[in-house]
Amino acid sequence: MRTECHFARMFRHSLGCSVHGWISLRRSARAQALLRERPALSLAEVAAQCGYASASHLSRSLRADLGATAGEWRKAGL
């Protein structure tokens, strides 16, 4: 058995989500915190600090997770 497959299966069993899903959740949480705590940062800076390829990638990801783009989320003050 390949080690990568075993790790992925054990990770999912322990945490209830895939490795990729867990990383996505952590990125999203970090981006939300930065948007809330550091409003002076541009969306591109937030995206870069959280591992997104661009501000549009950040916005698409947050829209999928939260139902609002990064800019909308920031304006709402959530």
Protein backbone atom coordinates (compact mmCIF):
# COMPACT_ATOMS: atom_id res chain seq x y z
CA MET A 1 0.00 0.00 0.00
CA ARG A 2 1.24 3.46 -0.88
CA THR A 3 2.01 5.76 2.03
CA GLU A 4 0.20 8.75 0.46
CA CYS A 5 -3.07 6.83 0.20
CA HIS A 6 -2.77 5.62 3.77
CA PHE A 7 -2.08 9.14 5.02
CA ALA A 8 -5.05 10.59 3.12
CA ARG A 9 -7.37 7.87 4.42
CA MET A 10 -6.21 8.29 8.02
CA PHE A 11 -6.44 12.08 7.75
CA ARG A 12 -10.04 11.87 6.53
CA HIS A 13 -10.87 9.33 9.22
CA SER A 14 -9.39 11.53 11.98
CA LEU A 15 -10.60 14.97 10.89
CA GLY A 16 -13.64 14.18 8.78
CA CYS A 17 -12.40 15.98 5.66
CA SER A 18 -9.74 15.60 2.99
CA VAL A 19 -6.31 17.19 3.25
CA HIS A 20 -7.26 19.63 0.48
CA GLY A 21 -10.53 20.45 2.23
CA TRP A 22 -8.73 21.13 5.51
CA ILE A 23 -6.19 23.42 3.81
CA SER A 24 -9.02 25.29 2.06
CA LEU A 25 -10.84 25.81 5.36
CA ARG A 26 -7.66 27.12 7.03
CA ARG A 27 -6.99 29.53 4.14
CA SER A 28 -10.55 30.78 4.25
CA ALA A 29 -10.44 31.31 8.02
CA ARG A 30 -7.13 33.18 7.74
CA ALA A 31 -8.49 35.38 4.95
CA GLN A 32 -11.62 36.17 6.96
CA ALA A 33 -9.51 37.14 9.97
CA LEU A 34 -7.28 39.41 7.87
CA LEU A 35 -10.27 41.06 6.20
CA ARG A 36 -11.77 41.74 9.61
CA GLU A 37 -8.62 42.73 11.53
CA ARG A 38 -6.58 44.52 8.85
CA PRO A 39 -8.97 46.54 6.65
CA ALA A 40 -6.09 48.56 5.20
CA LEU A 41 -4.74 45.49 3.36
CA SER A 42 -5.80 45.23 -0.26
CA LEU A 43 -7.58 42.08 -1.40
CA ALA A 44 -4.47 41.15 -3.39
CA GLU A 45 -2.34 41.38 -0.23
CA VAL A 46 -4.81 39.26 1.73
CA ALA A 47 -4.85 36.71 -1.09
CA ALA A 48 -1.06 36.53 -1.22
CA GLN A 49 -0.75 36.12 2.55
CA CYS A 50 -3.29 33.29 2.56
CA GLY A 51 -1.92 31.31 -0.37
CA TYR A 52 -4.44 32.26 -3.05
CA ALA A 53 -3.21 32.86 -6.59
CA SER A 54 -4.98 36.23 -6.91
CA ALA A 55 -7.64 38.47 -5.41
CA SER A 56 -10.20 36.96 -7.78
CA HIS A 57 -9.26 33.46 -6.63
CA LEU A 58 -9.80 34.61 -3.02
CA SER A 59 -13.17 36.14 -3.89
CA ARG A 60 -14.37 33.03 -5.76
CA SER A 61 -13.31 30.81 -2.88
CA LEU A 62 -15.03 32.95 -0.24
CA ARG A 63 -18.17 33.17 -2.37
CA ALA A 64 -18.27 29.37 -2.50
CA ASP A 65 -17.68 29.09 1.27
CA LEU A 66 -19.66 32.07 2.59
CA GLY A 67 -21.99 33.16 -0.19
CA ALA A 68 -20.26 36.55 -0.53
CA THR A 69 -17.11 37.78 -2.24
CA ALA A 70 -14.19 39.06 -0.18
CA GLY A 71 -15.12 42.68 -0.88
CA GLU A 72 -18.77 42.11 0.01
CA TRP A 73 -17.77 40.27 3.17
CA ARG A 74 -15.42 43.07 4.20
CA LYS A 75 -18.06 45.79 3.57
CA ALA A 76 -20.63 43.88 5.61
CA GLY A 77 -18.19 43.88 8.54
CA LEU A 78 -18.66 40.22 9.30
